[in-house]
PDB file of all heavy atoms in Angstrom:
ATOM      1  N   ASP A   1     -32.416  22.303  14.823  1.00  0.00           N
ATOM      2  CA  ASP A   1     -31.055  21.933  15.232  1.00  0.00           C
ATOM      3  C   ASP A   1     -31.040  20.687  16.118  1.00  0.00           C
ATOM      4  O   ASP A   1     -30.235  20.565  17.042  1.00  0.00           O
ATOM      5  CB  ASP A   1     -30.377  23.105  15.962  1.00  0.00           C
ATOM      6  CG  ASP A   1     -28.859  23.065  15.809  1.00  0.00           C
ATOM      7  OD1 ASP A   1     -28.377  22.330  14.921  1.00  0.00           O
ATOM      8  OD2 ASP A   1     -28.164  23.761  16.564  1.00  0.00           O
ATOM      9  N   ILE A   2     -31.958  19.758  15.841  1.00  0.00           N
ATOM     10  CA  ILE A   2     -31.992  18.486  16.559  1.00  0.00           C
ATOM     11  C   ILE A   2     -30.987  17.550  15.886  1.00  0.00           C
ATOM     12  O   ILE A   2     -30.888  17.531  14.659  1.00  0.00           O
ATOM     13  CB  ILE A   2     -33.412  17.881  16.511  1.00  0.00           C
ATOM     14  CG1 ILE A   2     -34.399  18.817  17.213  1.00  0.00           C
ATOM     15  CG2 ILE A   2     -33.450  16.501  17.139  1.00  0.00           C
ATOM     16  CD1 ILE A   2     -35.849  18.419  17.065  1.00  0.00           C
ATOM     17  N   PRO A   3     -30.219  16.788  16.653  1.00  0.00           N
ATOM     18  CA  PRO A   3     -29.211  15.901  16.046  1.00  0.00           C
ATOM     19  C   PRO A   3     -29.797  15.009  14.960  1.00  0.00           C
ATOM     20  O   PRO A   3     -30.902  14.467  15.105  1.00  0.00           O
ATOM     21  CB  PRO A   3     -28.710  15.074  17.237  1.00  0.00           C
ATOM     22  CG  PRO A   3     -28.936  15.968  18.416  1.00  0.00           C
ATOM     23  CD  PRO A   3     -30.189  16.735  18.120  1.00  0.00           C
ATOM     24  N   LEU A   4     -29.062  14.847  13.868  1.00  0.00           N
ATOM     25  CA  LEU A   4     -29.527  14.112  12.697  1.00  0.00           C
ATOM     26  C   LEU A   4     -29.943  12.688  13.057  1.00  0.00           C
ATOM     27  O   LEU A   4     -30.944  12.177  12.560  1.00  0.00           O
ATOM     28  CB  LEU A   4     -28.430  14.092  11.630  1.00  0.00           C
ATOM     29  CG  LEU A   4     -28.741  13.327  10.339  1.00  0.00           C
ATOM     30  CD1 LEU A   4     -29.958  13.935   9.655  1.00  0.00           C
ATOM     31  CD2 LEU A   4     -27.535  13.345   9.413  1.00  0.00           C
ATOM     32  N   LYS A   5     -29.185  12.027  13.929  1.00  0.00           N
ATOM     33  CA  LYS A   5     -29.481  10.649  14.305  1.00  0.00           C
ATOM     34  C   LYS A   5     -30.864  10.547  14.951  1.00  0.00           C
ATOM     35  O   LYS A   5     -31.645   9.633  14.659  1.00  0.00           O
ATOM     36  CB  LYS A   5     -28.405  10.135  15.264  1.00  0.00           C
ATOM     37  CG  LYS A   5     -28.543   8.659  15.624  1.00  0.00           C
ATOM     38  CD  LYS A   5     -27.394   8.207  16.516  1.00  0.00           C
ATOM     39  CE  LYS A   5     -27.522   6.729  16.871  1.00  0.00           C
ATOM     40  NZ  LYS A   5     -26.416   6.281  17.760  1.00  0.00           N
ATOM     41  N   GLU A   6     -31.167  11.520  15.800  1.00  0.00           N
ATOM     42  CA  GLU A   6     -32.466  11.513  16.485  1.00  0.00           C
ATOM     43  C   GLU A   6     -33.604  11.797  15.500  1.00  0.00           C
ATOM     44  O   GLU A   6     -34.651  11.154  15.536  1.00  0.00           O
ATOM     45  CB  GLU A   6     -32.451  12.580  17.588  1.00  0.00           C
ATOM     46  CG  GLU A   6     -33.680  12.565  18.468  1.00  0.00           C
ATOM     47  CD  GLU A   6     -33.591  13.582  19.591  1.00  0.00           C
ATOM     48  OE1 GLU A   6     -32.468  14.025  19.911  1.00  0.00           O
ATOM     49  OE2 GLU A   6     -34.660  13.947  20.130  1.00  0.00           O
ATOM     50  N   VAL A   7     -33.375  12.769  14.607  1.00  0.00           N
ATOM     51  CA  VAL A   7     -34.396  13.118  13.599  1.00  0.00           C
ATOM     52  C   VAL A   7     -34.664  11.929  12.690  1.00  0.00           C
ATOM     53  O   VAL A   7     -35.818  11.615  12.371  1.00  0.00           O
ATOM     54  CB  VAL A   7     -33.941  14.335  12.764  1.00  0.00           C
ATOM     55  CG1 VAL A   7     -34.914  14.575  11.608  1.00  0.00           C
ATOM     56  CG2 VAL A   7     -33.837  15.569  13.636  1.00  0.00           C
ATOM     57  N   ASP A   8     -33.604  11.257  12.274  1.00  0.00           N
ATOM     58  CA  ASP A   8     -33.741  10.116  11.382  1.00  0.00           C
ATOM     59  C   ASP A   8     -34.537   8.994  12.043  1.00  0.00           C
ATOM     60  O   ASP A   8     -35.381   8.349  11.421  1.00  0.00           O
ATOM     61  CB  ASP A   8     -32.353   9.618  10.971  1.00  0.00           C
ATOM     62  CG  ASP A   8     -32.419   8.640   9.806  1.00  0.00           C
ATOM     63  OD1 ASP A   8     -33.059   8.986   8.795  1.00  0.00           O
ATOM     64  OD2 ASP A   8     -31.851   7.547   9.906  1.00  0.00           O
ATOM     65  N   ALA A   9     -34.283   8.775  13.325  1.00  0.00           N
ATOM     66  CA  ALA A   9     -35.005   7.732  14.061  1.00  0.00           C
ATOM     67  C   ALA A   9     -36.494   8.062  14.144  1.00  0.00           C
ATOM     68  O   ALA A   9     -37.352   7.188  13.996  1.00  0.00           O
ATOM     69  CB  ALA A   9     -34.418   7.589  15.470  1.00  0.00           C
ATOM     70  N   ILE A  10     -36.803   9.343  14.346  1.00  0.00           N
ATOM     71  CA  ILE A  10     -38.215   9.762  14.409  1.00  0.00           C
ATOM     72  C   ILE A  10     -38.875   9.579  13.047  1.00  0.00           C
ATOM     73  O   ILE A  10     -39.979   9.052  12.940  1.00  0.00           O
ATOM     74  CB  ILE A  10     -38.320  11.234  14.863  1.00  0.00           C
ATOM     75  CG1 ILE A  10     -37.801  11.384  16.305  1.00  0.00           C
ATOM     76  CG2 ILE A  10     -39.760  11.734  14.760  1.00  0.00           C
ATOM     77  CD1 ILE A  10     -37.646  12.817  16.763  1.00  0.00           C
ATOM     78  N   ALA A  11     -38.188  10.022  11.990  1.00  0.00           N
ATOM     79  CA  ALA A  11     -38.752   9.933  10.630  1.00  0.00           C
ATOM     80  C   ALA A  11     -39.040   8.487  10.249  1.00  0.00           C
ATOM     81  O   ALA A  11     -40.048   8.197   9.590  1.00  0.00           O
ATOM     82  CB  ALA A  11     -37.801  10.573   9.636  1.00  0.00           C
ATOM     83  N   LYS A  12     -38.170   7.571  10.672  1.00  0.00           N
ATOM     84  CA  LYS A  12     -38.352   6.165  10.308  1.00  0.00           C
ATOM     85  C   LYS A  12     -39.525   5.513  11.040  1.00  0.00           C
ATOM     86  O   LYS A  12     -39.955   4.421  10.668  1.00  0.00           O
ATOM     87  CB  LYS A  12     -37.064   5.392  10.584  1.00  0.00           C
ATOM     88  CG  LYS A  12     -35.966   5.693   9.558  1.00  0.00           C
ATOM     89  CD  LYS A  12     -34.687   4.939   9.848  1.00  0.00           C
ATOM     90  CE  LYS A  12     -33.631   5.225   8.774  1.00  0.00           C
ATOM     91  NZ  LYS A  12     -32.344   4.555   9.056  1.00  0.00           N
ATOM     92  N   MET A  13     -40.029   6.156  12.093  1.00  0.00           N
ATOM     93  CA  MET A  13     -41.199   5.627  12.795  1.00  0.00           C
ATOM     94  C   MET A  13     -42.488   5.832  12.008  1.00  0.00           C
ATOM     95  O   MET A  13     -43.500   5.172  12.260  1.00  0.00           O
ATOM     96  CB  MET A  13     -41.356   6.312  14.157  1.00  0.00           C
ATOM     97  CG  MET A  13     -40.313   5.930  15.176  1.00  0.00           C
ATOM     98  SD  MET A  13     -40.692   6.764  16.734  1.00  0.00           S
ATOM     99  CE  MET A  13     -39.154   6.514  17.612  1.00  0.00           C
ATOM    100  N   VAL A  14     -42.465   6.757  11.044  1.00  0.00           N
ATOM    101  CA  VAL A  14     -43.670   7.030  10.254  1.00  0.00           C
ATOM    102  C   VAL A  14     -44.017   5.782   9.450  1.00  0.00           C
ATOM    103  O   VAL A  14     -43.171   5.255   8.718  1.00  0.00           O
ATOM    104  CB  VAL A  14     -43.451   8.227   9.306  1.00  0.00           C
ATOM    105  CG1 VAL A  14     -44.666   8.420   8.391  1.00  0.00           C
ATOM    106  CG2 VAL A  14     -43.181   9.492  10.107  1.00  0.00           C
ATOM    107  N   PRO A  15     -45.236   5.261   9.574  1.00  0.00           N
ATOM    108  CA  PRO A  15     -45.622   4.053   8.831  1.00  0.00           C
ATOM    109  C   PRO A  15     -45.405   4.224   7.330  1.00  0.00           C
ATOM    110  O   PRO A  15     -45.628   5.316   6.782  1.00  0.00           O
ATOM    111  CB  PRO A  15     -47.117   3.902   9.159  1.00  0.00           C
ATOM    112  CG  PRO A  15     -47.272   4.589  10.481  1.00  0.00           C
ATOM    113  CD  PRO A  15     -46.315   5.737  10.457  1.00  0.00           C
ATOM    114  N   ASP A  16     -44.975   3.162   6.690  1.00  0.00           N
ATOM    115  CA  ASP A  16     -44.659   3.205   5.258  1.00  0.00           C
ATOM    116  C   ASP A  16     -45.948   3.069   4.445  1.00  0.00           C
ATOM    117  O   ASP A  16     -46.216   2.054   3.811  1.00  0.00           O
ATOM    118  CB  ASP A  16     -43.673   2.079   4.909  1.00  0.00           C
ATOM    119  CG  ASP A  16     -43.111   2.238   3.506  1.00  0.00           C
ATOM    120  OD1 ASP A  16     -43.257   3.342   2.935  1.00  0.00           O
ATOM    121  OD2 ASP A  16     -42.523   1.277   2.975  1.00  0.00           O
ATOM    122  N   VAL A  17     -46.744   4.126   4.489  1.00  0.00           N
ATOM    123  CA  VAL A  17     -48.035   4.170   3.787  1.00  0.00           C
ATOM    124  C   VAL A  17     -48.017   5.380   2.860  1.00  0.00           C
ATOM    125  O   VAL A  17     -47.621   6.476   3.269  1.00  0.00           O
ATOM    126  CB  VAL A  17     -49.209   4.283   4.780  1.00  0.00           C
ATOM    127  CG1 VAL A  17     -50.534   4.383   4.031  1.00  0.00           C
ATOM    128  CG2 VAL A  17     -49.216   3.103   5.737  1.00  0.00           C
ATOM    129  N   LEU A  18     -48.461   5.199   1.635  1.00  0.00           N
ATOM    130  CA  LEU A  18     -48.429   6.262   0.636  1.00  0.00           C
ATOM    131  C   LEU A  18     -49.256   7.468   1.096  1.00  0.00           C
ATOM    132  O   LEU A  18     -50.395   7.337   1.502  1.00  0.00           O
ATOM    133  CB  LEU A  18     -48.957   5.741  -0.704  1.00  0.00           C
ATOM    134  CG  LEU A  18     -48.867   6.696  -1.891  1.00  0.00           C
ATOM    135  CD1 LEU A  18     -47.416   6.979  -2.249  1.00  0.00           C
ATOM    136  CD2 LEU A  18     -49.607   6.124  -3.096  1.00  0.00           C
ATOM    137  N   ASN A  19     -48.646   8.661   1.025  1.00  0.00           N
ATOM    138  CA  ASN A  19     -49.317   9.936   1.321  1.00  0.00           C
ATOM    139  C   ASN A  19     -49.916  10.005   2.721  1.00  0.00           C
ATOM    140  O   ASN A  19     -50.909  10.706   2.944  1.00  0.00           O
ATOM    141  CB  ASN A  19     -50.416  10.220   0.289  1.00  0.00           C
ATOM    142  CG  ASN A  19     -49.850  10.463  -1.097  1.00  0.00           C
ATOM    143  OD1 ASN A  19     -48.738  10.966  -1.244  1.00  0.00           O
ATOM    144  ND2 ASN A  19     -50.606  10.095  -2.127  1.00  0.00           N
ATOM    145  N   ILE A  20     -49.322   9.300   3.663  1.00  0.00           N
ATOM    146  CA  ILE A  20     -49.839   9.347   5.026  1.00  0.00           C
ATOM    147  C   ILE A  20     -49.609  10.731   5.625  1.00  0.00           C
ATOM    148  O   ILE A  20     -48.575  11.366   5.396  1.00  0.00           O
ATOM    149  CB  ILE A  20     -49.185   8.258   5.911  1.00  0.00           C
ATOM    150  CG1 ILE A  20     -49.921   8.169   7.241  1.00  0.00           C
ATOM    151  CG2 ILE A  20     -47.693   8.536   6.123  1.00  0.00           C
ATOM    152  CD1 ILE A  20     -49.519   6.982   8.090  1.00  0.00           C
ATOM    153  N   LYS A  21     -50.594  11.225   6.365  1.00  0.00           N
ATOM    154  CA  LYS A  21     -50.481  12.521   7.015  1.00  0.00           C
ATOM    155  C   LYS A  21     -49.976  12.337   8.438  1.00  0.00           C
ATOM    156  O   LYS A  21     -50.117  11.271   9.027  1.00  0.00           O
ATOM    157  CB  LYS A  21     -51.830  13.240   7.009  1.00  0.00           C
ATOM    158  CG  LYS A  21     -52.299  13.602   5.600  1.00  0.00           C
ATOM    159  CD  LYS A  21     -53.603  14.373   5.639  1.00  0.00           C
ATOM    160  CE  LYS A  21     -54.027  14.761   4.232  1.00  0.00           C
ATOM    161  NZ  LYS A  21     -55.310  15.520   4.237  1.00  0.00           N
ATOM    162  N   LEU A  22     -49.422  13.414   8.974  1.00  0.00           N
ATOM    163  CA  LEU A  22     -48.796  13.322  10.295  1.00  0.00           C
ATOM    164  C   LEU A  22     -49.808  12.899  11.365  1.00  0.00           C
ATOM    165  O   LEU A  22     -49.499  12.074  12.227  1.00  0.00           O
ATOM    166  CB  LEU A  22     -48.156  14.668  10.662  1.00  0.00           C
ATOM    167  CG  LEU A  22     -47.302  14.682  11.929  1.00  0.00           C
ATOM    168  CD1 LEU A  22     -46.205  13.632  11.859  1.00  0.00           C
ATOM    169  CD2 LEU A  22     -46.695  16.062  12.141  1.00  0.00           C
ATOM    170  N   ASP A  23     -51.029  13.456  11.308  1.00  0.00           N
ATOM    171  CA  ASP A  23     -52.046  13.085  12.306  1.00  0.00           C
ATOM    172  C   ASP A  23     -52.328  11.592  12.278  1.00  0.00           C
ATOM    173  O   ASP A  23     -52.474  10.949  13.325  1.00  0.00           O
ATOM    174  CB  ASP A  23     -53.333  13.869  12.049  1.00  0.00           C
ATOM    175  CG  ASP A  23     -53.198  15.344  12.419  1.00  0.00           C
ATOM    176  OD1 ASP A  23     -52.233  15.666  13.146  1.00  0.00           O
ATOM    177  OD2 ASP A  23     -54.025  16.142  11.967  1.00  0.00           O
ATOM    178  N   ASP A  24     -52.422  11.033  11.051  1.00  0.00           N
ATOM    179  CA  ASP A  24     -52.683   9.594  10.919  1.00  0.00           C
ATOM    180  C   ASP A  24     -51.482   8.784  11.389  1.00  0.00           C
ATOM    181  O   ASP A  24     -51.642   7.720  12.000  1.00  0.00           O
ATOM    182  CB  ASP A  24     -53.015   9.263   9.464  1.00  0.00           C
ATOM    183  CG  ASP A  24     -54.297   9.910   8.989  1.00  0.00           C
ATOM    184  OD1 ASP A  24     -55.200  10.089   9.840  1.00  0.00           O
ATOM    185  OD2 ASP A  24     -54.387  10.266   7.797  1.00  0.00           O
ATOM    186  N   ALA A  25     -50.278   9.280  11.096  1.00  0.00           N
ATOM    187  CA  ALA A  25     -49.072   8.584  11.540  1.00  0.00           C
ATOM    188  C   ALA A  25     -49.007   8.503  13.067  1.00  0.00           C
ATOM    189  O   ALA A  25     -48.618   7.488  13.637  1.00  0.00           O
ATOM    190  CB  ALA A  25     -47.833   9.282  10.983  1.00  0.00           C
ATOM    191  N   LEU A  26     -49.401   9.580  13.722  1.00  0.00           N
ATOM    192  CA  LEU A  26     -49.386   9.607  15.196  1.00  0.00           C
ATOM    193  C   LEU A  26     -50.364   8.586  15.775  1.00  0.00           C
ATOM    194  O   LEU A  26     -50.113   7.978  16.812  1.00  0.00           O
ATOM    195  CB  LEU A  26     -49.742  11.007  15.689  1.00  0.00           C
ATOM    196  CG  LEU A  26     -48.683  12.096  15.430  1.00  0.00           C
ATOM    197  CD1 LEU A  26     -49.256  13.479  15.721  1.00  0.00           C
ATOM    198  CD2 LEU A  26     -47.444  11.856  16.287  1.00  0.00           C
ATOM    199  N   LYS A  27     -51.515   8.408  15.088  1.00  0.00           N
ATOM    200  CA  LYS A  27     -52.502   7.444  15.560  1.00  0.00           C
ATOM    201  C   LYS A  27     -52.025   6.007  15.345  1.00  0.00           C
ATOM    202  O   LYS A  27     -52.260   5.130  16.180  1.00  0.00           O
ATOM    203  CB  LYS A  27     -53.830   7.651  14.834  1.00  0.00           C
ATOM    204  CG  LYS A  27     -54.516   8.962  15.190  1.00  0.00           C
ATOM    205  CD  LYS A  27     -55.744   9.188  14.309  1.00  0.00           C
ATOM    206  CE  LYS A  27     -56.368  10.552  14.566  1.00  0.00           C
ATOM    207  NZ  LYS A  27     -57.481  10.825  13.633  1.00  0.00           N
ATOM    208  N   GLN A  28     -51.340   5.769  14.210  1.00  0.00           N
ATOM    209  CA  GLN A  28     -50.960   4.409  13.860  1.00  0.00           C
ATOM    210  C   GLN A  28     -49.697   3.941  14.594  1.00  0.00           C
ATOM    211  O   GLN A  28     -49.504   2.752  14.769  1.00  0.00           O
ATOM    212  CB  GLN A  28     -50.729   4.311  12.334  1.00  0.00           C
ATOM    213  CG  GLN A  28     -51.997   4.454  11.520  1.00  0.00           C
ATOM    214  CD  GLN A  28     -51.752   4.237  10.035  1.00  0.00           C
ATOM    215  OE1 GLN A  28     -50.864   3.472   9.641  1.00  0.00           O
ATOM    216  NE2 GLN A  28     -52.530   4.916   9.194  1.00  0.00           N
ATOM    217  N   GLU A  29     -48.855   4.882  14.982  1.00  0.00           N
ATOM    218  CA  GLU A  29     -47.593   4.498  15.617  1.00  0.00           C
ATOM    219  C   GLU A  29     -47.446   5.205  16.973  1.00  0.00           C
ATOM    220  O   GLU A  29     -47.029   6.370  17.046  1.00  0.00           O
ATOM    221  CB  GLU A  29     -46.408   4.848  14.704  1.00  0.00           C
ATOM    222  CG  GLU A  29     -45.041   4.510  15.300  1.00  0.00           C
ATOM    223  CD  GLU A  29     -44.973   3.109  15.860  1.00  0.00           C
ATOM    224  OE1 GLU A  29     -44.920   2.164  15.050  1.00  0.00           O
ATOM    225  OE2 GLU A  29     -44.978   2.977  17.097  1.00  0.00           O
TER     226      GLU A  29
END
C-alpha cells in the first residue's frame, strides 16, 4: 500500500539491463 508515485520512482531507479536481479541493481544504483 505504498503510494504509486513513490513505487514508480523506485522501480525506475533499476538499471535498464536485461534480466538484472535485485541484488545486482542495488549494487549498481
